């Protein structure tokens, strides 16, 4: 399952980030988005998702949401 398919308000543990882009991996790591970290989907929007990672909320597009596997 990925973040795009996740239920709003439920806390999940990230199993892996499925992307080959090293710059994107570094960016997600700086946000605290890496294997073993918890993530909560706050809401699903038309072309994106709002997620809560650690103490921050972020708006990520659907392509990135599909790359974060739970």
PDB file of N, CA and C in Angstrom:
ATOM      1  N   UNK A   1       0.847  -1.171   0.000  1.00  0.00           N
ATOM      2  CA  UNK A   1       0.000   0.000   0.000  1.00  0.00           C
ATOM      3  C   UNK A   1       0.897   1.240   0.000  1.00  0.00           C
ATOM      4  N   UNK A   2       0.420   2.295  -0.620  1.00  0.00           N
ATOM      5  CA  UNK A   2       1.160   3.554  -0.619  1.00  0.00           C
ATOM      6  C   UNK A   2       0.345   4.648   0.076  1.00  0.00           C
ATOM      7  N   UNK A   3       0.935   5.825   0.200  1.00  0.00           N
ATOM      8  CA  UNK A   3       0.289   6.929   0.924  1.00  0.00           C
ATOM      9  C   UNK A   3      -1.002   7.365   0.232  1.00  0.00           C
ATOM     10  N   UNK A   4      -1.037   7.299  -1.079  1.00  0.00           N
ATOM     11  CA  UNK A   4      -2.240   7.708  -1.814  1.00  0.00           C
ATOM     12  C   UNK A   4      -3.448   6.832  -1.453  1.00  0.00           C
ATOM     13  N   UNK A   5      -3.199   5.572  -1.108  1.00  0.00           N
ATOM     14  CA  UNK A   5      -4.269   4.634  -0.777  1.00  0.00           C
ATOM     15  C   UNK A   5      -4.579   4.586   0.720  1.00  0.00           C
ATOM     16  N   UNK A   6      -3.817   5.309   1.527  1.00  0.00           N
ATOM     17  CA  UNK A   6      -3.952   5.251   2.984  1.00  0.00           C
ATOM     18  C   UNK A   6      -5.239   5.922   3.460  1.00  0.00           C
ATOM     19  N   UNK A   7      -5.699   5.484   4.614  1.00  0.00           N
ATOM     20  CA  UNK A   7      -6.906   6.029   5.228  1.00  0.00           C
ATOM     21  C   UNK A   7      -6.540   7.289   6.002  1.00  0.00           C
ATOM     22  N   UNK A   8      -7.337   8.333   5.831  1.00  0.00           N
ATOM     23  CA  UNK A   8      -7.090   9.597   6.523  1.00  0.00           C
ATOM     24  C   UNK A   8      -7.174   9.425   8.033  1.00  0.00           C
ATOM     25  N   UNK A   9      -6.229  10.034   8.741  1.00  0.00           N
ATOM     26  CA  UNK A   9      -6.235  10.024  10.195  1.00  0.00           C
ATOM     27  C   UNK A   9      -5.577   8.823  10.840  1.00  0.00           C
ATOM     28  N   UNK A  10      -5.225   7.821  10.070  1.00  0.00           N
ATOM     29  CA  UNK A  10      -4.589   6.628  10.609  1.00  0.00           C
ATOM     30  C   UNK A  10      -3.079   6.754  10.500  1.00  0.00           C
ATOM     31  N   UNK A  11      -2.363   6.314  11.538  1.00  0.00           N
ATOM     32  CA  UNK A  11      -0.907   6.389  11.553  1.00  0.00           C
ATOM     33  C   UNK A  11      -0.322   5.114  10.941  1.00  0.00           C
ATOM     34  N   UNK A  12       0.656   5.284  10.055  1.00  0.00           N
ATOM     35  CA  UNK A  12       1.306   4.170   9.381  1.00  0.00           C
ATOM     36  C   UNK A  12       2.814   4.270   9.590  1.00  0.00           C
ATOM     37  N   UNK A  13       3.506   3.164   9.361  1.00  0.00           N
ATOM     38  CA  UNK A  13       4.965   3.145   9.391  1.00  0.00           C
ATOM     39  C   UNK A  13       5.448   2.992   7.952  1.00  0.00           C
ATOM     40  N   UNK A  14       6.371   3.841   7.547  1.00  0.00           N
ATOM     41  CA  UNK A  14       6.908   3.795   6.183  1.00  0.00           C
ATOM     42  C   UNK A  14       7.795   2.560   6.044  1.00  0.00           C
ATOM     43  N   UNK A  15       7.512   1.720   5.047  1.00  0.00           N
ATOM     44  CA  UNK A  15       8.337   0.534   4.822  1.00  0.00           C
ATOM     45  C   UNK A  15       9.515   0.857   3.903  1.00  0.00           C
ATOM     46  N   UNK A  16       9.259   1.688   2.877  1.00  0.00           N
ATOM     47  CA  UNK A  16      10.355   2.133   2.005  1.00  0.00           C
ATOM     48  C   UNK A  16       9.875   3.245   1.087  1.00  0.00           C
ATOM     49  N   UNK A  17      10.833   3.933   0.501  1.00  0.00           N
ATOM     50  CA  UNK A  17      10.541   4.974  -0.475  1.00  0.00           C
ATOM     51  C   UNK A  17      11.037   4.461  -1.817  1.00  0.00           C
ATOM     52  N   UNK A  18      10.122   4.243  -2.755  1.00  0.00           N
ATOM     53  CA  UNK A  18      10.435   3.624  -4.042  1.00  0.00           C
ATOM     54  C   UNK A  18      10.674   4.682  -5.111  1.00  0.00           C
ATOM     55  N   UNK A  19      11.868   5.264  -5.098  1.00  0.00           N
ATOM     56  CA  UNK A  19      12.251   6.217  -6.134  1.00  0.00           C
ATOM     57  C   UNK A  19      13.726   6.049  -6.458  1.00  0.00           C
ATOM     58  N   UNK A  20      14.082   6.260  -7.716  1.00  0.00           N
ATOM     59  CA  UNK A  20      15.474   6.140  -8.140  1.00  0.00           C
ATOM     60  C   UNK A  20      16.182   7.483  -8.150  1.00  0.00           C
ATOM     61  N   UNK A  21      15.459   8.545  -7.870  1.00  0.00           N
ATOM     62  CA  UNK A  21      16.010   9.903  -7.886  1.00  0.00           C
ATOM     63  C   UNK A  21      16.703  10.192  -6.544  1.00  0.00           C
ATOM     64  N   UNK A  22      18.018  10.270  -6.551  1.00  0.00           N
ATOM     65  CA  UNK A  22      18.789  10.475  -5.324  1.00  0.00           C
ATOM     66  C   UNK A  22      18.485  11.825  -4.679  1.00  0.00           C
ATOM     67  N   UNK A  23      18.258  12.847  -5.501  1.00  0.00           N
ATOM     68  CA  UNK A  23      17.925  14.175  -4.967  1.00  0.00           C
ATOM     69  C   UNK A  23      16.575  14.140  -4.236  1.00  0.00           C
ATOM     70  N   UNK A  24      15.616  13.430  -4.801  1.00  0.00           N
ATOM     71  CA  UNK A  24      14.309  13.290  -4.167  1.00  0.00           C
ATOM     72  C   UNK A  24      14.424  12.495  -2.863  1.00  0.00           C
ATOM     73  N   UNK A  25      15.228  11.442  -2.872  1.00  0.00           N
ATOM     74  CA  UNK A  25      15.457  10.666  -1.649  1.00  0.00           C
ATOM     75  C   UNK A  25      16.060  11.539  -0.556  1.00  0.00           C
ATOM     76  N   UNK A  26      17.009  12.383  -0.902  1.00  0.00           N
ATOM     77  CA  UNK A  26      17.639  13.277   0.069  1.00  0.00           C
ATOM     78  C   UNK A  26      16.635  14.279   0.621  1.00  0.00           C
ATOM     79  N   UNK A  27      15.783  14.805  -0.255  1.00  0.00           N
ATOM     80  CA  UNK A  27      14.760  15.756   0.166  1.00  0.00           C
ATOM     81  C   UNK A  27      13.791  15.101   1.145  1.00  0.00           C
ATOM     82  N   UNK A  28      13.300  13.914   0.810  1.00  0.00           N
ATOM     83  CA  UNK A  28      12.368  13.212   1.687  1.00  0.00           C
ATOM     84  C   UNK A  28      13.027  12.866   3.020  1.00  0.00           C
ATOM     85  N   UNK A  29      14.294  12.481   2.989  1.00  0.00           N
ATOM     86  CA  UNK A  29      15.007  12.172   4.221  1.00  0.00           C
ATOM     87  C   UNK A  29      15.106  13.407   5.108  1.00  0.00           C
ATOM     88  N   UNK A  30      15.315  14.578   4.499  1.00  0.00           N
ATOM     89  CA  UNK A  30      15.406  15.819   5.272  1.00  0.00           C
ATOM     90  C   UNK A  30      14.069  16.175   5.931  1.00  0.00           C
ATOM     91  N   UNK A  31      12.961  15.714   5.348  1.00  0.00           N
ATOM     92  CA  UNK A  31      11.638  15.926   5.940  1.00  0.00           C
ATOM     93  C   UNK A  31      11.340  14.912   7.042  1.00  0.00           C
ATOM     94  N   UNK A  32      12.139  13.857   7.117  1.00  0.00           N
ATOM     95  CA  UNK A  32      11.896  12.795   8.086  1.00  0.00           C
ATOM     96  C   UNK A  32      11.136  11.633   7.488  1.00  0.00           C
ATOM     97  N   UNK A  33      11.081  11.574   6.180  1.00  0.00           N
ATOM     98  CA  UNK A  33      10.344  10.530   5.469  1.00  0.00           C
ATOM     99  C   UNK A  33      11.318   9.436   5.035  1.00  0.00           C
ATOM    100  N   UNK A  34      11.453   8.396   5.859  1.00  0.00           N
ATOM    101  CA  UNK A  34      12.343   7.282   5.560  1.00  0.00           C
ATOM    102  C   UNK A  34      11.821   6.031   6.239  1.00  0.00           C
ATOM    103  N   UNK A  35      12.375   4.892   5.905  1.00  0.00           N
ATOM    104  CA  UNK A  35      11.913   3.610   6.439  1.00  0.00           C
ATOM    105  C   UNK A  35      11.913   3.605   7.961  1.00  0.00           C
ATOM    106  N   UNK A  36      10.820   3.106   8.516  1.00  0.00           N
ATOM    107  CA  UNK A  36      10.690   2.998   9.959  1.00  0.00           C
ATOM    108  C   UNK A  36      10.042   4.196  10.630  1.00  0.00           C
ATOM    109  N   UNK A  37       9.904   5.302   9.918  1.00  0.00           N
ATOM    110  CA  UNK A  37       9.299   6.517  10.476  1.00  0.00           C
ATOM    111  C   UNK A  37       7.782   6.445  10.332  1.00  0.00           C
ATOM    112  N   UNK A  38       7.062   7.075  11.252  1.00  0.00           N
ATOM    113  CA  UNK A  38       5.600   7.081  11.168  1.00  0.00           C
ATOM    114  C   UNK A  38       5.121   8.247  10.309  1.00  0.00           C
ATOM    115  N   UNK A  39       3.997   8.030   9.642  1.00  0.00           N
ATOM    116  CA  UNK A  39       3.388   9.042   8.777  1.00  0.00           C
ATOM    117  C   UNK A  39       1.874   8.931   8.927  1.00  0.00           C
ATOM    118  N   UNK A  40       1.207  10.082   8.917  1.00  0.00           N
ATOM    119  CA  UNK A  40      -0.250  10.122   9.005  1.00  0.00           C
ATOM    120  C   UNK A  40      -0.780  10.944   7.836  1.00  0.00           C
ATOM    121  N   UNK A  41      -1.761  10.400   7.128  1.00  0.00           N
ATOM    122  CA  UNK A  41      -2.406  11.153   6.055  1.00  0.00           C
ATOM    123  C   UNK A  41      -3.487  12.021   6.696  1.00  0.00           C
ATOM    124  N   UNK A  42      -3.322  13.338   6.579  1.00  0.00           N
ATOM    125  CA  UNK A  42      -4.289  14.273   7.152  1.00  0.00           C
ATOM    126  C   UNK A  42      -5.505  14.379   6.244  1.00  0.00           C
ATOM    127  N   UNK A  43      -5.266  14.532   4.930  1.00  0.00           N
ATOM    128  CA  UNK A  43      -6.384  14.574   3.984  1.00  0.00           C
ATOM    129  C   UNK A  43      -5.901  14.280   2.570  1.00  0.00           C
ATOM    130  N   UNK A  44      -6.828  13.810   1.765  1.00  0.00           N
ATOM    131  CA  UNK A  44      -6.585  13.582   0.340  1.00  0.00           C
ATOM    132  C   UNK A  44      -7.228  14.730  -0.422  1.00  0.00           C
ATOM    133  N   UNK A  45      -6.467  15.334  -1.311  1.00  0.00           N
ATOM    134  CA  UNK A  45      -6.984  16.394  -2.174  1.00  0.00           C
ATOM    135  C   UNK A  45      -7.042  15.866  -3.591  1.00  0.00           C
ATOM    136  N   UNK A  46      -7.496  16.686  -4.518  1.00  0.00           N
ATOM    137  CA  UNK A  46      -7.660  16.243  -5.900  1.00  0.00           C
ATOM    138  C   UNK A  46      -6.359  15.729  -6.515  1.00  0.00           C
ATOM    139  N   UNK A  47      -5.291  16.496  -6.414  1.00  0.00           N
ATOM    140  CA  UNK A  47      -4.026  16.081  -7.028  1.00  0.00           C
ATOM    141  C   UNK A  47      -2.903  15.886  -6.043  1.00  0.00           C
ATOM    142  N   UNK A  48      -3.229  15.817  -4.751  1.00  0.00           N
ATOM    143  CA  UNK A  48      -2.187  15.697  -3.748  1.00  0.00           C
ATOM    144  C   UNK A  48      -2.729  15.162  -2.431  1.00  0.00           C
ATOM    145  N   UNK A  49      -1.831  15.019  -1.471  1.00  0.00           N
ATOM    146  CA  UNK A  49      -2.190  14.572  -0.123  1.00  0.00           C
ATOM    147  C   UNK A  49      -1.489  15.477   0.883  1.00  0.00           C
ATOM    148  N   UNK A  50      -2.129  15.704   2.007  1.00  0.00           N
ATOM    149  CA  UNK A  50      -1.483  16.399   3.108  1.00  0.00           C
ATOM    150  C   UNK A  50      -1.122  15.324   4.123  1.00  0.00           C
ATOM    151  N   UNK A  51       0.173  15.275   4.474  1.00  0.00           N
ATOM    152  CA  UNK A  51       0.659  14.265   5.399  1.00  0.00           C
ATOM    153  C   UNK A  51       1.336  14.923   6.585  1.00  0.00           C
ATOM    154  N   UNK A  52       1.358  14.213   7.678  1.00  0.00           N
ATOM    155  CA  UNK A  52       2.038  14.664   8.881  1.00  0.00           C
ATOM    156  C   UNK A  52       3.203  13.709   9.138  1.00  0.00           C
ATOM    157  N   UNK A  53       4.410  14.275   9.141  1.00  0.00           N
ATOM    158  CA  UNK A  53       5.624  13.511   9.420  1.00  0.00           C
ATOM    159  C   UNK A  53       6.359  14.238  10.536  1.00  0.00           C
ATOM    160  N   UNK A  54       6.640  13.509  11.616  1.00  0.00           N
ATOM    161  CA  UNK A  54       7.254  14.110  12.802  1.00  0.00           C
ATOM    162  C   UNK A  54       6.405  15.287  13.261  1.00  0.00           C
ATOM    163  N   UNK A  55       6.960  16.495  13.318  1.00  0.00           N
ATOM    164  CA  UNK A  55       6.210  17.662  13.793  1.00  0.00           C
ATOM    165  C   UNK A  55       5.731  18.567  12.666  1.00  0.00           C
ATOM    166  N   UNK A  56       5.793  18.112  11.420  1.00  0.00           N
ATOM    167  CA  UNK A  56       5.418  18.970  10.302  1.00  0.00           C
ATOM    168  C   UNK A  56       4.317  18.379   9.448  1.00  0.00           C
ATOM    169  N   UNK A  57       3.631  19.277   8.745  1.00  0.00           N
ATOM    170  CA  UNK A  57       2.617  18.873   7.769  1.00  0.00           C
ATOM    171  C   UNK A  57       3.093  19.308   6.392  1.00  0.00           C
ATOM    172  N   UNK A  58       2.936  18.417   5.424  1.00  0.00           N
ATOM    173  CA  UNK A  58       3.432  18.675   4.076  1.00  0.00           C
ATOM    174  C   UNK A  58       2.373  18.301   3.055  1.00  0.00           C
ATOM    175  N   UNK A  59       2.333  19.059   1.983  1.00  0.00           N
ATOM    176  CA  UNK A  59       1.461  18.772   0.856  1.00  0.00           C
ATOM    177  C   UNK A  59       2.318  18.101  -0.206  1.00  0.00           C
ATOM    178  N   UNK A  60       2.036  16.845  -0.506  1.00  0.00           N
ATOM    179  CA  UNK A  60       2.813  16.116  -1.506  1.00  0.00           C
ATOM    180  C   UNK A  60       1.904  15.727  -2.665  1.00  0.00           C
ATOM    181  N   UNK A  61       2.453  15.724  -3.877  1.00  0.00           N
ATOM    182  CA  UNK A  61       1.639  15.373  -5.035  1.00  0.00           C
ATOM    183  C   UNK A  61       1.410  13.865  -5.087  1.00  0.00           C
ATOM    184  N   UNK A  62       0.461  13.452  -5.921  1.00  0.00           N
ATOM    185  CA  UNK A  62       0.088  12.040  -5.988  1.00  0.00           C
ATOM    186  C   UNK A  62       1.223  11.149  -6.463  1.00  0.00           C
ATOM    187  N   UNK A  63       2.074  11.642  -7.337  1.00  0.00           N
ATOM    188  CA  UNK A  63       3.200  10.846  -7.817  1.00  0.00           C
ATOM    189  C   UNK A  63       4.151  10.515  -6.666  1.00  0.00           C
ATOM    190  N   UNK A  64       4.424  11.486  -5.831  1.00  0.00           N
ATOM    191  CA  UNK A  64       5.286  11.258  -4.673  1.00  0.00           C
ATOM    192  C   UNK A  64       4.573  10.384  -3.639  1.00  0.00           C
ATOM    193  N   UNK A  65       3.273  10.578  -3.473  1.00  0.00           N
ATOM    194  CA  UNK A  65       2.500   9.759  -2.531  1.00  0.00           C
ATOM    195  C   UNK A  65       2.519   8.291  -2.923  1.00  0.00           C
ATOM    196  N   UNK A  66       2.544   8.011  -4.225  1.00  0.00           N
ATOM    197  CA  UNK A  66       2.599   6.639  -4.688  1.00  0.00           C
ATOM    198  C   UNK A  66       3.975   6.025  -4.461  1.00  0.00           C
ATOM    199  N   UNK A  67       5.017   6.830  -4.330  1.00  0.00           N
ATOM    200  CA  UNK A  67       6.381   6.326  -4.127  1.00  0.00           C
ATOM    201  C   UNK A  67       6.672   5.999  -2.660  1.00  0.00           C
ATOM    202  N   UNK A  68       5.863   6.511  -1.738  1.00  0.00           N
ATOM    203  CA  UNK A  68       6.060   6.244  -0.317  1.00  0.00           C
ATOM    204  C   UNK A  68       5.214   5.028   0.046  1.00  0.00           C
ATOM    205  N   UNK A  69       5.883   3.915   0.284  1.00  0.00           N
ATOM    206  CA  UNK A  69       5.176   2.656   0.550  1.00  0.00           C
ATOM    207  C   UNK A  69       5.058   2.404   2.039  1.00  0.00           C
ATOM    208  N   UNK A  70       3.891   1.902   2.432  1.00  0.00           N
ATOM    209  CA  UNK A  70       3.604   1.658   3.836  1.00  0.00           C
ATOM    210  C   UNK A  70       3.603   0.165   4.141  1.00  0.00           C
TER     211      UNK A  70
END
